């Protein structure tokens, strides 16, 4: 298996920054990649967010297998007790759902402020998640709905910018990037497969081979059909099917590996979920 390299110093710095941002808000939108709903969960998410209410968004749902995704949504709702929804950048019909869920989650906090004699204020929310899971697309959706920049907030921060999504919600327009910390190398490889890891941290050839091994086990017919393969699913066979040959009649593994990863990330091969769901996860 490919070894994905991490940088502990960067992780500690990113965690500190993220905790500072989380302290500013009432509700967190936690974004996961629907293709790897378990592998894109931050291992220490409870420690990081504490008891902060959160809405879990399985993003890039248009690239994930529908039936399996429904199971993951049910699983996370039961596990966390928080609402879970599917989303994708190409559609905006989930904006009202996101807004309504945020308002519901923030209501206890706002009610407490009112009970203390303070005026009700908009709920403060931020979006967090691993790199490249689609945090910015969620933020952009909500900003498009609101479009009103409200600037820095007195007593909260002078650096961060807020956007008035509606009269009841202020959005911190900076995505909170959960640092990629993953001791499980299979999960790390899956993060690389969906492009959540810097390309400097892995070899395309190894990650593409591991991706094909998972797809060959879970979705073999889709891969065979797309690449016009008869039996064996491998980088070498796909290179041969494309007639991508280098010197000494060897298959062009480098070029083919890049193509396979791109095809998967763009959803060309099919709609997949790489994580196994057994209904008995903790």
C-alpha atoms as a PDB file:
ATOM      1  CA  UNK A   1       0.000   0.000   0.000  1.00  0.00           C
ATOM      2  CA  UNK A   2       1.169   3.518  -0.771  1.00  0.00           C
ATOM      3  CA  UNK A   3       2.450   5.465   2.200  1.00  0.00           C
ATOM      4  CA  UNK A   4       0.937   8.938   2.487  1.00  0.00           C
ATOM      5  CA  UNK A   5       3.219  11.420   4.244  1.00  0.00           C
ATOM      6  CA  UNK A   6       1.897  13.810   6.912  1.00  0.00           C
ATOM      7  CA  UNK A   7       3.408  16.929   8.454  1.00  0.00           C
ATOM      8  CA  UNK A   8       2.689  17.068  12.227  1.00  0.00           C
ATOM      9  CA  UNK A   9       3.862  20.681  12.633  1.00  0.00           C
ATOM     10  CA  UNK A  10       1.361  21.920  10.078  1.00  0.00           C
ATOM     11  CA  UNK A  11      -1.385  19.853  11.704  1.00  0.00           C
ATOM     12  CA  UNK A  12      -0.838  21.410  15.147  1.00  0.00           C
ATOM     13  CA  UNK A  13      -0.892  24.926  13.682  1.00  0.00           C
ATOM     14  CA  UNK A  14      -4.058  24.242  11.668  1.00  0.00           C
ATOM     15  CA  UNK A  15      -5.819  22.695  14.683  1.00  0.00           C
ATOM     16  CA  UNK A  16      -5.067  25.765  16.803  1.00  0.00           C
ATOM     17  CA  UNK A  17      -6.378  28.114  14.119  1.00  0.00           C
ATOM     18  CA  UNK A  18      -9.524  26.050  13.619  1.00  0.00           C
ATOM     19  CA  UNK A  19     -10.316  25.986  17.359  1.00  0.00           C
ATOM     20  CA  UNK A  20     -10.067  29.774  17.424  1.00  0.00           C
ATOM     21  CA  UNK A  21     -12.612  30.025  14.603  1.00  0.00           C
ATOM     22  CA  UNK A  22     -14.968  27.452  16.129  1.00  0.00           C
ATOM     23  CA  UNK A  23     -15.111  29.498  19.326  1.00  0.00           C
ATOM     24  CA  UNK A  24     -16.687  32.334  17.324  1.00  0.00           C
ATOM     25  CA  UNK A  25     -19.735  30.403  16.128  1.00  0.00           C
ATOM     26  CA  UNK A  26     -22.905  28.771  17.423  1.00  0.00           C
ATOM     27  CA  UNK A  27     -23.234  26.053  14.763  1.00  0.00           C
ATOM     28  CA  UNK A  28     -20.741  24.164  12.581  1.00  0.00           C
ATOM     29  CA  UNK A  29     -21.458  22.746   9.126  1.00  0.00           C
ATOM     30  CA  UNK A  30     -19.207  19.677   8.867  1.00  0.00           C
ATOM     31  CA  UNK A  31     -18.610  18.780   5.217  1.00  0.00           C
ATOM     32  CA  UNK A  32     -17.689  15.219   4.248  1.00  0.00           C
ATOM     33  CA  UNK A  33     -17.000  13.747   0.811  1.00  0.00           C
ATOM     34  CA  UNK A  34     -19.943  11.488  -0.050  1.00  0.00           C
ATOM     35  CA  UNK A  35     -17.609   9.096  -1.912  1.00  0.00           C
ATOM     36  CA  UNK A  36     -15.651   8.434   1.299  1.00  0.00           C
ATOM     37  CA  UNK A  37     -18.131   9.276   4.087  1.00  0.00           C
ATOM     38  CA  UNK A  38     -16.056   7.558   6.750  1.00  0.00           C
ATOM     39  CA  UNK A  39     -12.537   8.281   5.499  1.00  0.00           C
ATOM     40  CA  UNK A  40     -13.228  12.023   5.241  1.00  0.00           C
ATOM     41  CA  UNK A  41     -14.317  12.286   8.886  1.00  0.00           C
ATOM     42  CA  UNK A  42     -11.658  13.902  11.042  1.00  0.00           C
ATOM     43  CA  UNK A  43     -10.535  11.269  13.594  1.00  0.00           C
ATOM     44  CA  UNK A  44     -10.734  13.719  16.528  1.00  0.00           C
ATOM     45  CA  UNK A  45     -13.850  15.594  15.405  1.00  0.00           C
ATOM     46  CA  UNK A  46     -15.569  15.437  18.809  1.00  0.00           C
ATOM     47  CA  UNK A  47     -12.457  16.714  20.533  1.00  0.00           C
ATOM     48  CA  UNK A  48     -12.152  19.497  17.969  1.00  0.00           C
ATOM     49  CA  UNK A  49     -15.789  20.651  18.001  1.00  0.00           C
ATOM     50  CA  UNK A  50     -16.736  19.784  21.571  1.00  0.00           C
ATOM     51  CA  UNK A  51     -20.476  20.051  22.127  1.00  0.00           C
ATOM     52  CA  UNK A  52     -20.944  22.568  19.320  1.00  0.00           C
ATOM     53  CA  UNK A  53     -24.129  21.681  17.379  1.00  0.00           C
ATOM     54  CA  UNK A  54     -23.390  20.654  13.816  1.00  0.00           C
ATOM     55  CA  UNK A  55     -25.044  19.940  10.505  1.00  0.00           C
ATOM     56  CA  UNK A  56     -23.293  17.145   8.593  1.00  0.00           C
ATOM     57  CA  UNK A  57     -23.271  17.633   4.823  1.00  0.00           C
ATOM     58  CA  UNK A  58     -22.262  14.747   2.552  1.00  0.00           C
ATOM     59  CA  UNK A  59     -21.039  16.802  -0.390  1.00  0.00           C
ATOM     60  CA  UNK A  60     -20.372  15.726  -3.992  1.00  0.00           C
ATOM     61  CA  UNK A  61     -23.398  13.461  -3.659  1.00  0.00           C
ATOM     62  CA  UNK A  62     -23.826  13.524  -7.431  1.00  0.00           C
ATOM     63  CA  UNK A  63     -20.654  11.392  -7.649  1.00  0.00           C
ATOM     64  CA  UNK A  64     -21.763   8.838  -5.019  1.00  0.00           C
ATOM     65  CA  UNK A  65     -23.861   5.684  -5.308  1.00  0.00           C
ATOM     66  CA  UNK A  66     -27.394   6.651  -4.266  1.00  0.00           C
ATOM     67  CA  UNK A  67     -28.477   3.536  -2.354  1.00  0.00           C
ATOM     68  CA  UNK A  68     -25.301   3.334  -0.281  1.00  0.00           C
ATOM     69  CA  UNK A  69     -25.407   7.086   0.385  1.00  0.00           C
ATOM     70  CA  UNK A  70     -28.882   6.797   1.916  1.00  0.00           C
ATOM     71  CA  UNK A  71     -27.536   4.203   4.355  1.00  0.00           C
ATOM     72  CA  UNK A  72     -24.676   6.481   5.366  1.00  0.00           C
ATOM     73  CA  UNK A  73     -27.052   9.384   5.956  1.00  0.00           C
ATOM     74  CA  UNK A  74     -29.209   7.238   8.258  1.00  0.00           C
ATOM     75  CA  UNK A  75     -26.130   5.881  10.018  1.00  0.00           C
ATOM     76  CA  UNK A  76     -24.644   9.301  10.815  1.00  0.00           C
ATOM     77  CA  UNK A  77     -27.978  10.706  11.977  1.00  0.00           C
ATOM     78  CA  UNK A  78     -28.332   7.842  14.455  1.00  0.00           C
ATOM     79  CA  UNK A  79     -24.694   7.980  15.535  1.00  0.00           C
ATOM     80  CA  UNK A  80     -24.406  11.735  16.108  1.00  0.00           C
ATOM     81  CA  UNK A  81     -27.977  12.810  16.783  1.00  0.00           C
ATOM     82  CA  UNK A  82     -27.418  15.693  14.371  1.00  0.00           C
ATOM     83  CA  UNK A  83     -29.109  16.270  11.001  1.00  0.00           C
ATOM     84  CA  UNK A  84     -27.333  14.881   7.918  1.00  0.00           C
ATOM     85  CA  UNK A  85     -28.047  15.917   4.329  1.00  0.00           C
ATOM     86  CA  UNK A  86     -26.614  15.185   0.871  1.00  0.00           C
ATOM     87  CA  UNK A  87     -25.461  18.055  -1.324  1.00  0.00           C
ATOM     88  CA  UNK A  88     -23.636  18.823  -4.570  1.00  0.00           C
ATOM     89  CA  UNK A  89     -22.259  21.975  -6.162  1.00  0.00           C
ATOM     90  CA  UNK A  90     -24.385  21.716  -9.305  1.00  0.00           C
ATOM     91  CA  UNK A  91     -27.738  22.109  -7.510  1.00  0.00           C
ATOM     92  CA  UNK A  92     -29.081  24.829  -5.223  1.00  0.00           C
ATOM     93  CA  UNK A  93     -32.297  23.164  -4.112  1.00  0.00           C
ATOM     94  CA  UNK A  94     -30.733  22.232  -0.756  1.00  0.00           C
ATOM     95  CA  UNK A  95     -30.017  25.812   0.351  1.00  0.00           C
ATOM     96  CA  UNK A  96     -33.311  26.242   2.158  1.00  0.00           C
ATOM     97  CA  UNK A  97     -32.798  22.897   3.926  1.00  0.00           C
ATOM     98  CA  UNK A  98     -29.331  23.976   5.112  1.00  0.00           C
ATOM     99  CA  UNK A  99     -30.644  27.346   6.304  1.00  0.00           C
ATOM    100  CA  UNK A 100     -33.563  25.763   8.180  1.00  0.00           C
ATOM    101  CA  UNK A 101     -31.350  23.180   9.880  1.00  0.00           C
ATOM    102  CA  UNK A 102     -28.869  25.858  10.987  1.00  0.00           C
ATOM    103  CA  UNK A 103     -31.687  27.941  12.470  1.00  0.00           C
ATOM    104  CA  UNK A 104     -33.027  24.922  14.371  1.00  0.00           C
ATOM    105  CA  UNK A 105     -29.589  23.974  15.726  1.00  0.00           C
ATOM    106  CA  UNK A 106     -28.835  27.521  16.873  1.00  0.00           C
ATOM    107  CA  UNK A 107     -32.225  28.137  18.516  1.00  0.00           C
ATOM    108  CA  UNK A 108     -31.273  26.876  22.012  1.00  0.00           C
ATOM    109  CA  UNK A 109     -28.256  29.233  22.089  1.00  0.00           C
ATOM    110  CA  UNK A 110     -30.265  32.236  20.881  1.00  0.00           C
ATOM    111  CA  UNK A 111     -33.069  31.429  23.352  1.00  0.00           C
ATOM    112  CA  UNK A 112     -30.510  31.445  26.192  1.00  0.00           C
ATOM    113  CA  UNK A 113     -29.309  34.895  25.169  1.00  0.00           C
ATOM    114  CA  UNK A 114     -32.883  36.194  25.144  1.00  0.00           C
ATOM    115  CA  UNK A 115     -33.549  34.596  28.544  1.00  0.00           C
ATOM    116  CA  UNK A 116     -30.635  36.640  29.904  1.00  0.00           C
ATOM    117  CA  UNK A 117     -32.315  39.809  28.705  1.00  0.00           C
ATOM    118  CA  UNK A 118     -30.219  40.231  25.562  1.00  0.00           C
ATOM    119  CA  UNK A 119     -31.667  40.984  22.159  1.00  0.00           C
ATOM    120  CA  UNK A 120     -31.883  38.013  19.778  1.00  0.00           C
ATOM    121  CA  UNK A 121     -29.083  37.993  17.201  1.00  0.00           C
ATOM    122  CA  UNK A 122     -28.478  35.987  14.040  1.00  0.00           C
ATOM    123  CA  UNK A 123     -26.957  32.541  14.503  1.00  0.00           C
ATOM    124  CA  UNK A 124     -23.248  32.460  13.737  1.00  0.00           C
ATOM    125  CA  UNK A 125     -22.137  29.540  11.604  1.00  0.00           C
ATOM    126  CA  UNK A 126     -18.983  28.300   9.891  1.00  0.00           C
ATOM    127  CA  UNK A 127     -18.128  25.510   7.474  1.00  0.00           C
ATOM    128  CA  UNK A 128     -15.389  22.984   8.334  1.00  0.00           C
ATOM    129  CA  UNK A 129     -13.965  19.890   6.676  1.00  0.00           C
ATOM    130  CA  UNK A 130     -10.968  18.143   5.178  1.00  0.00           C
ATOM    131  CA  UNK A 131      -9.225  19.796   2.208  1.00  0.00           C
ATOM    132  CA  UNK A 132     -11.145  19.715  -1.086  1.00  0.00           C
ATOM    133  CA  UNK A 133     -14.388  18.194   0.215  1.00  0.00           C
ATOM    134  CA  UNK A 134     -16.317  21.174  -1.162  1.00  0.00           C
ATOM    135  CA  UNK A 135     -16.450  23.617   1.757  1.00  0.00           C
ATOM    136  CA  UNK A 136     -16.157  26.621  -0.540  1.00  0.00           C
ATOM    137  CA  UNK A 137     -19.033  25.442  -2.739  1.00  0.00           C
ATOM    138  CA  UNK A 138     -21.299  25.271   0.337  1.00  0.00           C
ATOM    139  CA  UNK A 139     -20.168  28.737   1.437  1.00  0.00           C
ATOM    140  CA  UNK A 140     -20.692  30.145  -2.067  1.00  0.00           C
ATOM    141  CA  UNK A 141     -24.204  28.685  -2.223  1.00  0.00           C
ATOM    142  CA  UNK A 142     -25.166  30.367   1.026  1.00  0.00           C
ATOM    143  CA  UNK A 143     -23.452  33.648   0.159  1.00  0.00           C
ATOM    144  CA  UNK A 144     -25.271  33.746  -3.173  1.00  0.00           C
ATOM    145  CA  UNK A 145     -28.495  33.518  -1.227  1.00  0.00           C
ATOM    146  CA  UNK A 146     -27.504  36.297   1.172  1.00  0.00           C
ATOM    147  CA  UNK A 147     -24.931  38.428  -0.619  1.00  0.00           C
ATOM    148  CA  UNK A 148     -24.831  40.938   2.257  1.00  0.00           C
ATOM    149  CA  UNK A 149     -21.359  41.403   3.696  1.00  0.00           C
ATOM    150  CA  UNK A 150     -21.636  42.487   7.315  1.00  0.00           C
ATOM    151  CA  UNK A 151     -17.915  42.848   8.040  1.00  0.00           C
ATOM    152  CA  UNK A 152     -16.165  42.268  11.345  1.00  0.00           C
ATOM    153  CA  UNK A 153     -18.237  41.874  14.506  1.00  0.00           C
ATOM    154  CA  UNK A 154     -17.555  43.961  17.576  1.00  0.00           C
ATOM    155  CA  UNK A 155     -16.350  41.819  20.448  1.00  0.00           C
ATOM    156  CA  UNK A 156     -15.918  38.802  18.191  1.00  0.00           C
ATOM    157  CA  UNK A 157     -13.041  39.401  15.794  1.00  0.00           C
ATOM    158  CA  UNK A 158     -11.482  42.087  13.666  1.00  0.00           C
ATOM    159  CA  UNK A 159     -10.038  39.842  10.991  1.00  0.00           C
ATOM    160  CA  UNK A 160     -12.873  37.510  10.038  1.00  0.00           C
ATOM    161  CA  UNK A 161     -15.563  38.590   7.591  1.00  0.00           C
ATOM    162  CA  UNK A 162     -19.200  37.652   8.006  1.00  0.00           C
ATOM    163  CA  UNK A 163     -21.998  37.359   5.480  1.00  0.00           C
ATOM    164  CA  UNK A 164     -25.681  37.868   6.317  1.00  0.00           C
ATOM    165  CA  UNK A 165     -27.337  34.801   4.746  1.00  0.00           C
ATOM    166  CA  UNK A 166     -30.763  35.817   6.001  1.00  0.00           C
ATOM    167  CA  UNK A 167     -32.049  37.787   9.015  1.00  0.00           C
ATOM    168  CA  UNK A 168     -31.383  34.793  11.254  1.00  0.00           C
ATOM    169  CA  UNK A 169     -27.946  33.602  10.043  1.00  0.00           C
ATOM    170  CA  UNK A 170     -24.480  35.147   9.790  1.00  0.00           C
ATOM    171  CA  UNK A 171     -21.905  32.998   7.960  1.00  0.00           C
ATOM    172  CA  UNK A 172     -18.167  33.183   8.580  1.00  0.00           C
ATOM    173  CA  UNK A 173     -16.927  33.293   4.998  1.00  0.00           C
ATOM    174  CA  UNK A 174     -13.611  31.590   5.816  1.00  0.00           C
ATOM    175  CA  UNK A 175     -13.717  27.793   5.525  1.00  0.00           C
ATOM    176  CA  UNK A 176     -12.227  25.960   8.494  1.00  0.00           C
ATOM    177  CA  UNK A 177      -9.787  23.482   7.039  1.00  0.00           C
ATOM    178  CA  UNK A 178      -9.515  20.422   9.233  1.00  0.00           C
ATOM    179  CA  UNK A 179      -5.885  19.310   8.957  1.00  0.00           C
ATOM    180  CA  UNK A 180      -5.348  16.006   7.217  1.00  0.00           C
ATOM    181  CA  UNK A 181      -4.259  13.767  10.071  1.00  0.00           C
ATOM    182  CA  UNK A 182      -4.707  10.105   9.314  1.00  0.00           C
ATOM    183  CA  UNK A 183      -2.796   7.214  10.819  1.00  0.00           C
ATOM    184  CA  UNK A 184      -4.877   4.661   8.910  1.00  0.00           C
ATOM    185  CA  UNK A 185      -3.088   4.353   5.574  1.00  0.00           C
ATOM    186  CA  UNK A 186      -6.073   2.889   3.729  1.00  0.00           C
ATOM    187  CA  UNK A 187      -8.169   5.904   4.687  1.00  0.00           C
ATOM    188  CA  UNK A 188      -5.226   8.133   3.760  1.00  0.00           C
ATOM    189  CA  UNK A 189      -5.084   6.513   0.324  1.00  0.00           C
ATOM    190  CA  UNK A 190      -8.826   7.106  -0.138  1.00  0.00           C
ATOM    191  CA  UNK A 191      -8.317  10.791   0.696  1.00  0.00           C
ATOM    192  CA  UNK A 192      -5.678  10.850  -2.043  1.00  0.00           C
ATOM    193  CA  UNK A 193      -8.096   9.158  -4.461  1.00  0.00           C
ATOM    194  CA  UNK A 194     -10.629  11.977  -4.080  1.00  0.00           C
ATOM    195  CA  UNK A 195      -7.877  14.631  -4.253  1.00  0.00           C
ATOM    196  CA  UNK A 196      -8.009  15.674  -0.571  1.00  0.00           C
ATOM    197  CA  UNK A 197      -4.254  15.243  -0.189  1.00  0.00           C
ATOM    198  CA  UNK A 198      -1.456  17.238  -1.765  1.00  0.00           C
ATOM    199  CA  UNK A 199      -0.054  15.456  -4.830  1.00  0.00           C
ATOM    200  CA  UNK A 200       3.395  15.817  -3.265  1.00  0.00           C
ATOM    201  CA  UNK A 201       2.380  13.327  -0.568  1.00  0.00           C
ATOM    202  CA  UNK A 202       1.771  10.282  -2.767  1.00  0.00           C
ATOM    203  CA  UNK A 203       2.572   8.510  -6.042  1.00  0.00           C
ATOM    204  CA  UNK A 204      -0.212   8.499  -8.645  1.00  0.00           C
ATOM    205  CA  UNK A 205       0.679   5.001  -9.784  1.00  0.00           C
ATOM    206  CA  UNK A 206       0.252   3.455  -6.324  1.00  0.00           C
ATOM    207  CA  UNK A 207      -2.957   5.326  -5.505  1.00  0.00           C
ATOM    208  CA  UNK A 208      -4.488   4.514  -8.913  1.00  0.00           C
ATOM    209  CA  UNK A 209      -3.694   0.810  -8.395  1.00  0.00           C
ATOM    210  CA  UNK A 210      -5.306   0.850  -4.948  1.00  0.00           C
ATOM    211  CA  UNK A 211      -8.354   2.649  -6.341  1.00  0.00           C
ATOM    212  CA  UNK A 212      -8.773  -0.006  -9.030  1.00  0.00           C
ATOM    213  CA  UNK A 213      -8.446  -2.755  -6.418  1.00  0.00           C
ATOM    214  CA  UNK A 214     -11.368  -1.255  -4.463  1.00  0.00           C
ATOM    215  CA  UNK A 215     -13.468  -0.687  -7.585  1.00  0.00           C
ATOM    216  CA  UNK A 216     -12.718  -4.202  -8.833  1.00  0.00           C
ATOM    217  CA  UNK A 217     -14.143  -5.564  -5.595  1.00  0.00           C
ATOM    218  CA  UNK A 218     -17.165  -3.246  -5.274  1.00  0.00           C
ATOM    219  CA  UNK A 219     -18.070  -2.137  -8.819  1.00  0.00           C
ATOM    220  CA  UNK A 220     -16.261  -4.425 -11.299  1.00  0.00           C
ATOM    221  CA  UNK A 221     -18.798  -4.251 -14.133  1.00  0.00           C
ATOM    222  CA  UNK A 222     -18.779  -0.441 -14.231  1.00  0.00           C
ATOM    223  CA  UNK A 223     -14.990  -0.373 -14.564  1.00  0.00           C
ATOM    224  CA  UNK A 224     -14.891  -3.116 -17.216  1.00  0.00           C
ATOM    225  CA  UNK A 225     -17.569  -1.409 -19.270  1.00  0.00           C
ATOM    226  CA  UNK A 226     -16.002   2.042 -19.117  1.00  0.00           C
ATOM    227  CA  UNK A 227     -12.488   0.864 -20.012  1.00  0.00           C
ATOM    228  CA  UNK A 228     -13.605  -1.941 -22.333  1.00  0.00           C
ATOM    229  CA  UNK A 229     -11.895  -4.675 -20.331  1.00  0.00           C
ATOM    230  CA  UNK A 230     -12.730  -8.344 -20.556  1.00  0.00           C
ATOM    231  CA  UNK A 231     -11.368  -9.715 -17.286  1.00  0.00           C
ATOM    232  CA  UNK A 232      -8.449  -8.280 -15.326  1.00  0.00           C
ATOM    233  CA  UNK A 233      -8.875  -4.785 -13.913  1.00  0.00           C
ATOM    234  CA  UNK A 234      -5.464  -3.170 -13.599  1.00  0.00           C
ATOM    235  CA  UNK A 235      -3.534  -0.079 -14.640  1.00  0.00           C
ATOM    236  CA  UNK A 236      -1.566  -2.210 -17.111  1.00  0.00           C
ATOM    237  CA  UNK A 237      -4.681  -3.628 -18.793  1.00  0.00           C
ATOM    238  CA  UNK A 238      -6.262  -0.179 -19.076  1.00  0.00           C
ATOM    239  CA  UNK A 239      -3.067   1.190 -20.656  1.00  0.00           C
ATOM    240  CA  UNK A 240      -3.122  -1.636 -23.182  1.00  0.00           C
ATOM    241  CA  UNK A 241      -6.811  -1.065 -23.952  1.00  0.00           C
ATOM    242  CA  UNK A 242      -5.945   2.563 -24.756  1.00  0.00           C
ATOM    243  CA  UNK A 243      -2.859   1.432 -26.694  1.00  0.00           C
ATOM    244  CA  UNK A 244      -0.716   3.682 -24.488  1.00  0.00           C
ATOM    245  CA  UNK A 245       2.669   2.028 -24.915  1.00  0.00           C
ATOM    246  CA  UNK A 246       6.134   3.361 -24.139  1.00  0.00           C
ATOM    247  CA  UNK A 247       9.563   2.009 -25.040  1.00  0.00           C
ATOM    248  CA  UNK A 248      10.161  -1.730 -25.095  1.00  0.00           C
ATOM    249  CA  UNK A 249       6.411  -2.209 -25.669  1.00  0.00           C
ATOM    250  CA  UNK A 250       5.700  -1.528 -22.011  1.00  0.00           C
ATOM    251  CA  UNK A 251       2.312  -0.044 -20.947  1.00  0.00           C
ATOM    252  CA  UNK A 252       2.460   3.659 -20.031  1.00  0.00           C
ATOM    253  CA  UNK A 253       1.694   3.331 -16.324  1.00  0.00           C
ATOM    254  CA  UNK A 254       2.367   6.991 -15.463  1.00  0.00           C
ATOM    255  CA  UNK A 255      -0.027   8.478 -18.016  1.00  0.00           C
ATOM    256  CA  UNK A 256      -2.688   5.852 -17.405  1.00  0.00           C
ATOM    257  CA  UNK A 257      -2.613   6.310 -13.621  1.00  0.00           C
ATOM    258  CA  UNK A 258      -3.266  10.032 -13.961  1.00  0.00           C
ATOM    259  CA  UNK A 259      -6.152   9.335 -16.342  1.00  0.00           C
ATOM    260  CA  UNK A 260      -7.748   6.780 -14.000  1.00  0.00           C
ATOM    261  CA  UNK A 261      -7.652   9.162 -11.024  1.00  0.00           C
ATOM    262  CA  UNK A 262      -9.075  11.985 -13.139  1.00  0.00           C
ATOM    263  CA  UNK A 263     -11.833   9.759 -14.548  1.00  0.00           C
ATOM    264  CA  UNK A 264     -12.825   8.683 -11.051  1.00  0.00           C
ATOM    265  CA  UNK A 265     -12.744  12.192  -9.570  1.00  0.00           C
ATOM    266  CA  UNK A 266     -14.879  13.557 -12.407  1.00  0.00           C
ATOM    267  CA  UNK A 267     -17.437  10.750 -12.086  1.00  0.00           C
ATOM    268  CA  UNK A 268     -16.854   9.430 -15.607  1.00  0.00           C
ATOM    269  CA  UNK A 269     -16.506   5.781 -14.606  1.00  0.00           C
ATOM    270  CA  UNK A 270     -19.641   5.806 -12.449  1.00  0.00           C
ATOM    271  CA  UNK A 271     -21.132   6.830  -9.100  1.00  0.00           C
ATOM    272  CA  UNK A 272     -19.231   5.116  -6.299  1.00  0.00           C
ATOM    273  CA  UNK A 273     -18.707   5.021  -2.535  1.00  0.00           C
ATOM    274  CA  UNK A 274     -15.306   3.603  -1.613  1.00  0.00           C
ATOM    275  CA  UNK A 275     -15.940   3.071   2.107  1.00  0.00           C
ATOM    276  CA  UNK A 276     -17.613  -0.180   3.120  1.00  0.00           C
ATOM    277  CA  UNK A 277     -20.861   0.075   5.036  1.00  0.00           C
ATOM    278  CA  UNK A 278     -21.764  -2.840   7.294  1.00  0.00           C
ATOM    279  CA  UNK A 279     -24.343  -1.156   9.515  1.00  0.00           C
ATOM    280  CA  UNK A 280     -22.306  -2.087  12.573  1.00  0.00           C
ATOM    281  CA  UNK A 281     -19.805   0.730  12.713  1.00  0.00           C
ATOM    282  CA  UNK A 282     -19.212   2.563  15.954  1.00  0.00           C
END
